[in-house]
């Protein structure tokens, strides 16, 4: 049997619940819903370190954050991993291509791909060439911006609409013709690869979309779909500091604030509009696979690098361990049935982004390097009896809210490493994390089990989070572990 083509579709900052097939009350995603109906949906998929850089390290290396070394967000740290998903597939005879966001350093680092057509979005360090002598100025590294200026005029910039790339609370429609939107460009360049690929090899294409990451700028038609709808109130837990939330209400780039409902509703309308826009462009890409006669030979995996809180608990963006931030959509679609999936099924085993690399290598019958700590989900897609992890450990350096979390998708324990605060949620009865049950007598035994798991995960960590078998608060966190900083 010939090796399958592999299409990895990732979007940036899409919540796990923003699929109409999973019951979302507002957003419409008909093309992704079709993948839910025909493929396999993982209902407990997480990003262990939920921001762009460490999440992509997990995707590209198959490693846990402890091994790839990125436990927070830090730009300009070189990517020198021995084994990457693209590199291993290239060794296995695949023609490999990435279109869109890589978010690596240097920006033009191929990370094993034969070619990259790059659009990382707005990266602050790339805008200042004095701050970034390795990559040069932003207009020298970004292929989308070069294209935009060729087709629209030399003075155009991706930020001309006035929205900041981290402004999750303000929105406006896209200001240029729709075909110039980064989402359309990523789909178009992905389709063009189907024309330019080596027909004598199977391909691995990573279509890596920047949206729905802010700026919240959907084309007008998609904004109009949602702007006048009555939006439900976001969940706010009984543990939230309402007084502190009022202090961040007027900053458009706030990460925590009780912003006016009118502005929040417009932001959510734009966010949902970006997702529906993405959905239709993904549908366009899948249709092109059909037109080129390769759809039935292609395994498709769709996911996001992390979520977006979008007002949950008065919080925005990502990094935090709550469901809106850390939980992601995760779908596999096998059009030809070659892998024997239980199509239309849902799997509740807890999976993580590090499982992508071994899954695609398994599908390609390619060797899985010993450095890979994830596991192929193909047996789960076939409903085969298989041993599987009982939980995942996640974390993120985030100032005073730096944290570690452990979950199996049914329960979640969170430890804030700087304050020692604990939270425990029974996700079966409290999926929106409204009630912190850490002090409930009925939950004490379960809390102890989960706390011990965090202790085990951190037992020998260099930060000194554990002493004498107990968690120690107040240790200085590191965004990158020493072995990464040393280039090991």
Protein backbone atom coordinates (compact mmCIF):
# COMPACT_ATOMS: atom_id res chain seq x y z
CA UNK A 1 0.00 0.00 0.00
CA UNK A 2 1.30 3.45 -0.89
CA UNK A 3 2.05 5.81 1.95
CA UNK A 4 -0.74 8.28 2.70
CA UNK A 5 -0.43 12.00 2.23
CA UNK A 6 -0.61 13.89 5.53
CA UNK A 7 -2.37 17.21 6.03
CA UNK A 8 -1.99 18.89 9.41
CA UNK A 9 -4.30 21.88 9.76
CA UNK A 10 -3.71 24.08 12.78
CA UNK A 11 -5.38 27.30 13.75
CA UNK A 12 -4.12 29.70 16.39
CA UNK A 13 -6.07 30.42 19.57
CA UNK A 14 -9.31 28.53 18.78
CA UNK A 15 -11.29 27.30 21.76
CA UNK A 16 -12.13 23.62 21.95
CA UNK A 17 -15.87 24.28 22.15
CA UNK A 18 -16.18 26.49 19.05
CA UNK A 19 -17.63 23.78 16.82
CA UNK A 20 -21.34 23.78 16.12
CA UNK A 21 -21.26 19.97 15.92
CA UNK A 22 -20.24 19.93 19.59
CA UNK A 23 -23.20 22.07 20.58
CA UNK A 24 -21.83 25.60 20.58
CA UNK A 25 -24.87 27.92 20.77
CA UNK A 26 -23.53 30.63 18.45
CA UNK A 27 -20.66 29.73 16.13
CA UNK A 28 -21.24 27.95 12.80
CA UNK A 29 -18.58 25.58 11.43
CA UNK A 30 -20.21 23.41 8.74
CA UNK A 31 -17.00 22.13 7.14
CA UNK A 32 -15.37 21.18 10.42
CA UNK A 33 -18.70 19.69 11.49
CA UNK A 34 -18.44 17.41 8.47
CA UNK A 35 -15.07 16.19 9.77
CA UNK A 36 -16.71 15.53 13.14
CA UNK A 37 -19.41 13.50 11.41
CA UNK A 38 -17.05 11.55 9.16
CA UNK A 39 -13.95 11.35 11.35
CA UNK A 40 -12.92 10.94 14.97
CA UNK A 41 -13.26 13.70 17.55
CA UNK A 42 -11.15 13.80 20.72
CA UNK A 43 -13.19 15.50 23.41
CA UNK A 44 -10.35 15.83 25.95
CA UNK A 45 -7.44 17.29 24.01
CA UNK A 46 -5.15 19.78 25.73
CA UNK A 47 -2.23 22.07 25.09
CA UNK A 48 0.11 21.36 27.98
CA UNK A 49 1.79 24.77 27.80
CA UNK A 50 -0.88 26.92 26.19
CA UNK A 51 0.89 29.67 24.29
CA UNK A 52 2.18 29.74 20.74
CA UNK A 53 5.88 28.90 21.11
CA UNK A 54 5.81 25.97 23.59
CA UNK A 55 2.69 24.54 21.95
CA UNK A 56 4.47 24.45 18.59
CA UNK A 57 7.49 22.85 20.21
CA UNK A 58 5.21 20.01 21.35
CA UNK A 59 3.75 19.66 17.85
CA UNK A 60 7.12 19.69 16.11
CA UNK A 61 9.07 17.45 18.48
CA UNK A 62 6.52 15.14 20.09
CA UNK A 63 8.10 15.99 23.46
CA UNK A 64 6.62 17.07 26.75
CA UNK A 65 7.42 20.60 27.87
CA UNK A 66 9.89 19.24 30.40
CA UNK A 67 11.94 17.74 27.56
CA UNK A 68 11.60 20.38 24.85
CA UNK A 69 12.38 22.90 27.57
CA UNK A 70 9.84 25.62 26.83
CA UNK A 71 7.62 26.01 29.88
CA UNK A 72 6.56 29.59 29.21
CA UNK A 73 6.57 32.12 26.41
CA UNK A 74 9.99 33.44 25.39
CA UNK A 75 10.97 34.71 21.95
CA UNK A 76 14.41 34.50 20.35
CA UNK A 77 15.46 31.15 21.82
CA UNK A 78 17.02 29.04 19.02
CA UNK A 79 15.29 25.90 17.75
CA UNK A 80 17.92 23.18 17.48
CA UNK A 81 15.97 19.96 18.01
CA UNK A 82 17.53 16.81 16.58
CA UNK A 83 14.21 15.23 15.61
CA UNK A 84 11.24 17.12 14.19
CA UNK A 85 8.06 15.91 12.58
CA UNK A 86 9.00 17.37 9.20
CA UNK A 87 12.57 16.11 9.38
CA UNK A 88 11.51 12.56 10.17
CA UNK A 89 8.88 12.53 7.43
CA UNK A 90 11.42 13.89 4.95
CA UNK A 91 13.70 10.97 5.88
CA UNK A 92 10.74 8.66 5.21
CA UNK A 93 10.42 9.96 1.64
CA UNK A 94 7.84 12.71 2.09
CA UNK A 95 7.81 16.07 0.35
CA UNK A 96 7.31 18.43 3.29
CA UNK A 97 5.89 21.95 3.26
CA UNK A 98 4.65 24.41 5.89
CA UNK A 99 2.40 27.32 4.98
CA UNK A 100 1.69 30.00 7.55
CA UNK A 101 2.77 30.23 11.16
CA UNK A 102 5.92 28.55 12.50
CA UNK A 103 6.89 30.91 15.36
CA UNK A 104 10.42 29.55 15.64
CA UNK A 105 13.81 31.24 15.88
CA UNK A 106 15.39 32.27 13.65
CA UNK A 107 12.13 32.91 11.85
CA UNK A 108 13.34 31.27 8.63
CA UNK A 109 14.55 28.12 10.40
CA UNK A 110 13.14 25.27 8.30
CA UNK A 111 12.92 22.82 11.26
CA UNK A 112 13.20 19.92 8.82
CA UNK A 113 10.76 21.17 6.16
CA UNK A 114 11.85 21.27 2.54
CA UNK A 115 10.21 24.68 2.26
CA UNK A 116 8.26 27.16 4.37
CA UNK A 117 5.95 29.90 3.08
CA UNK A 118 5.88 32.01 6.22
CA UNK A 119 3.37 34.21 7.98
CA UNK A 120 3.85 34.36 11.72
CA UNK A 121 1.50 37.29 12.17
CA UNK A 122 2.71 40.31 14.09
CA UNK A 123 5.67 39.37 16.27
CA UNK A 124 6.89 42.30 18.32
CA UNK A 125 10.56 41.36 18.28
CA UNK A 126 10.49 41.07 14.48
CA UNK A 127 9.28 44.66 14.16
CA UNK A 128 12.52 46.04 15.57
CA UNK A 129 15.60 45.06 13.62
CA UNK A 130 17.88 46.45 16.35
CA UNK A 131 16.20 44.03 18.75
CA UNK A 132 16.43 41.15 16.31
CA UNK A 133 19.62 41.22 14.22
CA UNK A 134 19.35 37.52 13.39
CA UNK A 135 16.00 37.67 11.61
CA UNK A 136 16.32 41.19 10.27
CA UNK A 137 13.33 43.44 9.90
CA UNK A 138 9.81 42.03 9.80
CA UNK A 139 9.28 42.75 6.10
CA UNK A 140 12.32 40.62 5.26
CA UNK A 141 11.04 37.44 6.92
CA UNK A 142 7.27 37.43 6.33
CA UNK A 143 6.11 36.03 2.97
CA UNK A 144 2.50 37.16 3.42
CA UNK A 145 3.55 40.79 3.86
CA UNK A 146 5.71 40.63 0.74
CA UNK A 147 2.74 39.21 -1.19
CA UNK A 148 0.33 41.79 0.27
CA UNK A 149 2.52 44.64 -0.92
CA UNK A 150 2.93 43.15 -4.36
CA UNK A 151 -0.80 42.83 -4.94
CA UNK A 152 -2.05 45.83 -2.95
CA UNK A 153 0.66 48.45 -2.85
CA UNK A 154 4.10 48.94 -1.35
CA UNK A 155 2.85 50.97 1.61
CA UNK A 156 0.49 48.32 3.02
CA UNK A 157 1.13 46.79 6.42
CA UNK A 158 -0.70 44.02 8.26
CA UNK A 159 -1.52 46.43 11.10
CA UNK A 160 -3.13 49.19 9.04
CA UNK A 161 -6.55 48.55 10.56
CA UNK A 162 -5.26 49.82 13.89
CA UNK A 163 -5.83 46.63 15.90
CA UNK A 164 -3.08 45.24 18.09
CA UNK A 165 -2.16 41.58 17.70
CA UNK A 166 -2.99 40.96 21.36
CA UNK A 167 -6.15 43.07 21.54
CA UNK A 168 -8.66 40.35 22.40
CA UNK A 169 -11.34 42.83 23.47
CA UNK A 170 -11.57 45.16 20.45
CA UNK A 171 -12.61 44.32 16.92
CA UNK A 172 -13.50 45.66 13.50
CA UNK A 173 -14.05 44.15 10.03
CA UNK A 174 -11.11 43.48 7.70
CA UNK A 175 -10.34 46.67 5.78
CA UNK A 176 -9.11 45.20 2.48
CA UNK A 177 -10.68 42.88 -0.12
CA UNK A 178 -11.37 39.46 1.39
CA UNK A 179 -8.87 37.63 -0.81
CA UNK A 180 -6.10 39.65 0.87
CA UNK A 181 -6.95 38.39 4.35
CA UNK A 182 -4.22 36.20 5.91
CA UNK A 183 -6.69 33.32 6.21
CA UNK A 184 -7.42 33.34 2.47
CA UNK A 185 -3.71 33.68 1.72
CA UNK A 186 -2.83 30.63 3.83
CA UNK A 187 -5.49 28.54 2.09
CA UNK A 188 -4.38 29.78 -1.34
CA UNK A 189 -0.71 29.02 -0.71
CA UNK A 190 -1.63 25.58 0.63
CA UNK A 191 -3.63 24.85 -2.50
CA UNK A 192 -0.74 26.09 -4.66
CA UNK A 193 1.50 23.52 -3.00
CA UNK A 194 -0.75 20.81 -4.41
CA UNK A 195 0.21 22.10 -7.86
CA UNK A 196 3.93 22.44 -7.13
CA UNK A 197 4.53 19.29 -5.08
CA UNK A 198 6.66 16.40 -6.27
CA UNK A 199 4.07 13.95 -7.67
CA UNK A 200 6.45 11.05 -7.14
CA UNK A 201 6.37 11.40 -3.36
CA UNK A 202 3.69 11.44 -0.69
CA UNK A 203 3.38 14.87 0.88
CA UNK A 204 3.23 16.28 4.38
CA UNK A 205 1.57 19.70 4.31
CA UNK A 206 1.17 21.77 7.46
CA UNK A 207 -1.41 24.49 6.83
CA UNK A 208 -0.86 26.72 9.84
CA UNK A 209 -3.42 29.53 10.05
CA UNK A 210 -2.81 32.58 12.28
CA UNK A 211 -6.47 33.37 12.98
CA UNK A 212 -8.63 33.40 15.10
CA UNK A 213 -5.71 34.87 17.07
CA UNK A 214 -6.27 38.60 17.34
CA UNK A 215 -6.44 41.09 15.72
CA UNK A 216 -10.16 40.34 15.63
CA UNK A 217 -10.69 41.37 12.03
CA UNK A 218 -12.97 39.01 10.08
CA UNK A 219 -14.14 40.05 6.61
CA UNK A 220 -17.32 42.10 6.79
CA UNK A 221 -19.66 39.27 5.77
CA UNK A 222 -18.46 37.10 8.65
CA UNK A 223 -18.64 39.91 11.21
CA UNK A 224 -22.19 40.62 10.07
CA UNK A 225 -23.18 36.99 10.75
CA UNK A 226 -22.72 37.52 14.50
CA UNK A 227 -22.66 41.22 15.39
CA UNK A 228 -26.37 41.53 16.17
CA UNK A 229 -26.86 38.22 17.97
CA UNK A 230 -27.67 38.01 21.67
CA UNK A 231 -24.52 36.57 23.23
CA UNK A 232 -24.78 34.45 26.39
CA UNK A 233 -22.89 35.65 29.43
CA UNK A 234 -19.44 34.05 29.79
CA UNK A 235 -18.91 31.81 32.81
CA UNK A 236 -17.42 33.45 35.90
CA UNK A 237 -16.29 31.21 38.75
CA UNK A 238 -17.10 31.78 42.40
CA UNK A 239 -13.35 32.05 42.97
CA UNK A 240 -12.84 35.12 40.72
CA UNK A 241 -11.70 38.40 42.29
CA UNK A 242 -14.41 40.75 41.02
CA UNK A 243 -12.77 43.83 42.47
CA UNK A 244 -9.50 43.18 40.65
CA UNK A 245 -11.42 42.49 37.44
CA UNK A 246 -12.76 46.04 37.40
CA UNK A 247 -9.24 47.44 37.26
CA UNK A 248 -8.53 45.98 33.80
CA UNK A 249 -11.76 47.05 32.18
CA UNK A 250 -10.37 49.81 29.93
CA UNK A 251 -7.19 48.28 28.50
CA UNK A 252 -7.82 46.83 24.98
CA UNK A 253 -5.00 44.33 25.48
CA UNK A 254 -6.10 43.30 28.96
CA UNK A 255 -5.56 39.76 30.13
CA UNK A 256 -7.99 40.19 33.03
CA UNK A 257 -10.80 42.68 33.22
CA UNK A 258 -14.55 43.06 33.45
CA UNK A 259 -14.99 44.90 30.18
CA UNK A 260 -18.29 46.48 29.03
CA UNK A 261 -20.74 43.94 27.63
CA UNK A 262 -21.15 45.80 24.35
CA UNK A 263 -17.40 45.62 23.64
CA UNK A 264 -17.22 41.99 24.75
CA UNK A 265 -20.14 41.02 22.52
CA UNK A 266 -18.50 42.69 19.51
CA UNK A 267 -15.23 40.93 20.30
CA UNK A 268 -16.97 37.58 20.48
CA UNK A 269 -18.85 38.33 17.26
CA UNK A 270 -15.55 39.01 15.51
CA UNK A 271 -13.91 35.95 17.06
CA UNK A 272 -16.74 33.70 15.90
CA UNK A 273 -16.65 35.40 12.51
CA UNK A 274 -12.96 34.58 12.17
CA UNK A 275 -13.71 30.93 13.00
CA UNK A 276 -16.49 30.66 10.41
CA UNK A 277 -14.21 32.35 7.87
CA UNK A 278 -11.52 29.79 8.69
CA UNK A 279 -14.06 27.00 8.39
CA UNK A 280 -14.97 28.03 4.86
CA UNK A 281 -11.35 28.39 3.78
CA UNK A 282 -10.58 24.95 5.24
CA UNK A 283 -13.54 23.68 3.21
CA UNK A 284 -11.96 25.30 0.16
CA UNK A 285 -8.67 23.51 0.86
CA UNK A 286 -10.38 20.13 1.28
CA UNK A 287 -12.28 20.72 -1.95
CA UNK A 288 -8.95 21.38 -3.70
CA UNK A 289 -7.64 18.04 -2.43
CA UNK A 290 -10.62 16.46 -4.16
CA UNK A 291 -9.98 18.41 -7.36
CA UNK A 292 -6.34 17.32 -7.43
CA UNK A 293 -7.43 13.72 -6.91
CA UNK A 294 -5.57 13.24 -3.62
CA UNK A 295 -8.28 13.53 -0.97
CA UNK A 296 -8.81 9.79 -0.60
CA UNK A 297 -5.06 9.32 -0.20
CA UNK A 298 -4.77 11.95 2.56
CA UNK A 299 -5.09 11.70 6.33
CA UNK A 300 -6.25 15.02 7.82
CA UNK A 301 -5.60 16.12 11.41
CA UNK A 302 -7.12 19.39 12.64
CA UNK A 303 -6.29 21.13 15.91
CA UNK A 304 -5.34 24.43 17.56
CA UNK A 305 -2.19 25.37 19.44
CA UNK A 306 -4.26 26.60 22.42
CA UNK A 307 -7.56 28.31 23.15
CA UNK A 308 -8.80 31.81 23.97
CA UNK A 309 -10.54 32.66 27.23
CA UNK A 310 -12.63 35.39 25.58
CA UNK A 311 -14.07 36.68 28.84
CA UNK A 312 -14.35 33.40 30.75
CA UNK A 313 -13.77 34.33 34.42
CA UNK A 314 -13.11 37.91 33.16
CA UNK A 315 -9.89 36.65 31.52
CA UNK A 316 -8.61 36.92 27.96
CA UNK A 317 -6.05 35.37 25.67
CA UNK A 318 -4.36 32.15 26.85
CA UNK A 319 -1.61 30.81 29.17
CA UNK A 320 -3.98 30.05 32.06
CA UNK A 321 -4.97 26.42 32.80
CA UNK A 322 -8.74 26.82 32.40
CA UNK A 323 -10.70 24.96 29.73
CA UNK A 324 -11.15 27.95 27.44
CA UNK A 325 -7.39 28.43 27.28
CA UNK A 326 -5.83 24.98 27.58
CA UNK A 327 -8.37 22.70 25.88
CA UNK A 328 -8.27 22.42 22.09
CA UNK A 329 -10.24 20.85 19.23
CA UNK A 330 -8.62 17.68 17.89
CA UNK A 331 -10.12 15.88 14.86
CA UNK A 332 -8.86 13.16 12.52
CA UNK A 333 -10.42 12.37 9.16
CA UNK A 334 -9.53 9.36 6.99
CA UNK A 335 -11.57 9.78 3.77
CA UNK A 336 -10.71 6.39 2.26
CA UNK A 337 -11.09 4.33 5.42
CA UNK A 338 -7.62 2.87 5.03
CA UNK A 339 -6.88 3.17 8.76
CA UNK A 340 -10.07 1.53 9.96
CA UNK A 341 -11.31 4.44 12.06
CA UNK A 342 -14.62 4.26 13.87
CA UNK A 343 -15.86 7.22 11.85
CA UNK A 344 -18.27 9.61 13.51
CA UNK A 345 -17.01 8.49 16.91
CA UNK A 346 -15.78 10.47 19.89
CA UNK A 347 -12.87 9.53 22.12
CA UNK A 348 -12.58 10.78 25.69
CA UNK A 349 -8.99 9.65 26.37
CA UNK A 350 -6.88 12.64 27.31
CA UNK A 351 -4.53 13.61 24.46
CA UNK A 352 -2.01 16.38 24.00
CA UNK A 353 -0.26 18.20 21.17
CA UNK A 354 2.82 16.01 21.60
CA UNK A 355 0.71 13.12 20.27
CA UNK A 356 0.57 14.67 16.79
CA UNK A 357 4.11 13.74 15.71
CA UNK A 358 3.90 10.04 16.65
CA UNK A 359 0.41 9.81 15.15
CA UNK A 360 1.54 11.08 11.76
CA UNK A 361 4.75 9.05 11.82
CA UNK A 362 2.69 5.97 12.67
CA UNK A 363 0.37 6.69 9.74
CA UNK A 364 3.42 6.98 7.46
CA UNK A 365 4.94 3.74 8.83
CA UNK A 366 7.98 5.84 9.70
CA UNK A 367 10.25 5.20 12.71
CA UNK A 368 9.35 7.14 15.84
CA UNK A 369 12.49 8.59 17.49
CA UNK A 370 13.21 7.69 21.10
CA UNK A 371 12.98 11.38 22.00
CA UNK A 372 9.23 11.39 21.27
CA UNK A 373 7.13 11.21 24.43
CA UNK A 374 3.71 11.42 22.86
CA UNK A 375 1.84 8.42 21.52
CA UNK A 376 0.01 7.64 18.31
CA UNK A 377 -3.74 8.08 18.64
CA UNK A 378 -4.48 5.79 15.68
CA UNK A 379 -5.35 2.81 17.94
CA UNK A 380 -7.79 5.04 19.84
CA UNK A 381 -9.38 6.03 16.52
CA UNK A 382 -9.95 2.35 15.79
CA UNK A 383 -11.43 1.75 19.26
CA UNK A 384 -8.71 -0.79 19.97
CA UNK A 385 -7.98 -1.73 23.53
CA UNK A 386 -4.71 -0.03 24.33
CA UNK A 387 -2.87 1.29 27.35
CA UNK A 388 -3.13 5.03 27.59
CA UNK A 389 -1.97 7.75 29.95
CA UNK A 390 -4.21 8.44 32.91
CA UNK A 391 -3.63 12.21 32.89
CA UNK A 392 -1.51 14.99 31.45
CA UNK A 393 0.61 17.57 33.25
CA UNK A 394 0.55 21.13 31.99
CA UNK A 395 2.13 24.36 33.12
CA UNK A 396 2.93 27.92 32.19
CA UNK A 397 5.16 30.64 33.60
CA UNK A 398 2.83 33.61 33.97
CA UNK A 399 4.12 35.97 36.63
CA UNK A 400 2.12 35.78 39.84
CA UNK A 401 -0.25 33.35 38.11
CA UNK A 402 2.45 30.86 37.10
CA UNK A 403 0.91 27.44 37.49
CA UNK A 404 0.94 23.70 37.03
CA UNK A 405 -2.15 21.70 36.23
CA UNK A 406 -3.02 18.02 35.91
CA UNK A 407 -6.17 16.64 34.33
CA UNK A 408 -7.73 13.57 32.80
CA UNK A 409 -10.52 15.60 31.20
CA UNK A 410 -12.87 14.63 34.03
CA UNK A 411 -11.16 16.31 36.97
CA UNK A 412 -8.57 19.08 37.12
CA UNK A 413 -6.18 20.20 39.84
CA UNK A 414 -4.27 23.48 39.58
CA UNK A 415 -1.37 24.65 41.74
CA UNK A 416 -0.20 28.26 41.46
CA UNK A 417 3.51 28.02 42.06
CA UNK A 418 4.08 31.57 43.30
CA UNK A 419 1.26 31.79 45.83
CA UNK A 420 0.57 28.16 46.69
CA UNK A 421 -3.12 28.63 45.84
CA UNK A 422 -4.91 25.46 44.78
CA UNK A 423 -8.01 24.84 42.69
CA UNK A 424 -9.91 21.65 41.99
CA UNK A 425 -12.74 21.23 39.50
CA UNK A 426 -14.96 18.25 38.82
CA UNK A 427 -15.38 18.77 35.09
CA UNK A 428 -18.13 16.16 34.83
CA UNK A 429 -20.51 18.21 36.96
CA UNK A 430 -18.85 21.61 36.54
CA UNK A 431 -17.47 21.82 32.98
CA UNK A 432 -17.26 25.63 33.13
CA UNK A 433 -15.09 25.56 36.27
CA UNK A 434 -17.49 27.68 38.28
CA UNK A 435 -16.88 26.08 41.69
CA UNK A 436 -13.47 25.64 43.25
CA UNK A 437 -14.00 22.46 45.25
CA UNK A 438 -10.49 22.24 46.69
CA UNK A 439 -11.75 22.76 50.27
CA UNK A 440 -14.80 20.49 49.98
CA UNK A 441 -14.56 17.63 52.42
CA UNK A 442 -16.03 15.24 49.87
CA UNK A 443 -13.23 16.09 47.43
CA UNK A 444 -10.28 15.99 49.83
CA UNK A 445 -9.15 12.48 48.91
CA UNK A 446 -9.27 13.26 45.20
CA UNK A 447 -7.40 16.52 45.71
CA UNK A 448 -4.67 14.63 47.55
CA UNK A 449 -4.30 12.18 44.65
CA UNK A 450 -3.96 14.97 42.13
CA UNK A 451 -1.59 17.00 44.31
CA UNK A 452 0.68 13.95 44.61
CA UNK A 453 0.74 13.70 40.83
CA UNK A 454 2.02 17.27 40.58
CA UNK A 455 4.66 16.43 43.18
CA UNK A 456 5.76 13.45 41.08
CA UNK A 457 5.94 15.57 37.93
CA UNK A 458 8.03 18.26 39.63
CA UNK A 459 10.12 16.07 41.95
CA UNK A 460 13.47 16.81 40.34
CA UNK A 461 12.74 20.02 38.50
CA UNK A 462 15.55 22.54 38.63
CA UNK A 463 13.30 25.32 39.96
CA UNK A 464 13.02 23.51 43.30
CA UNK A 465 9.24 23.24 43.33
CA UNK A 466 9.35 20.13 45.56
CA UNK A 467 11.12 19.61 48.87
CA UNK A 468 10.60 16.69 51.22
CA UNK A 469 7.76 15.40 49.07
CA UNK A 470 5.83 18.68 49.41
CA UNK A 471 5.11 21.46 46.92
CA UNK A 472 7.05 24.63 47.71
CA UNK A 473 5.56 27.96 46.66
CA UNK A 474 7.54 31.03 45.72
CA UNK A 475 10.39 29.42 43.78
CA UNK A 476 11.55 31.51 40.82
CA UNK A 477 10.00 30.13 37.62
CA UNK A 478 11.89 29.87 34.33
CA UNK A 479 10.36 30.27 30.89
CA UNK A 480 13.03 27.98 29.42
CA UNK A 481 14.71 25.17 31.30
CA UNK A 482 18.47 25.07 31.60
CA UNK A 483 19.09 22.30 29.08
CA UNK A 484 17.35 24.34 26.37
CA UNK A 485 19.21 27.52 27.27
CA UNK A 486 22.47 25.55 27.13
CA UNK A 487 21.60 24.21 23.69
CA UNK A 488 21.63 20.56 24.80
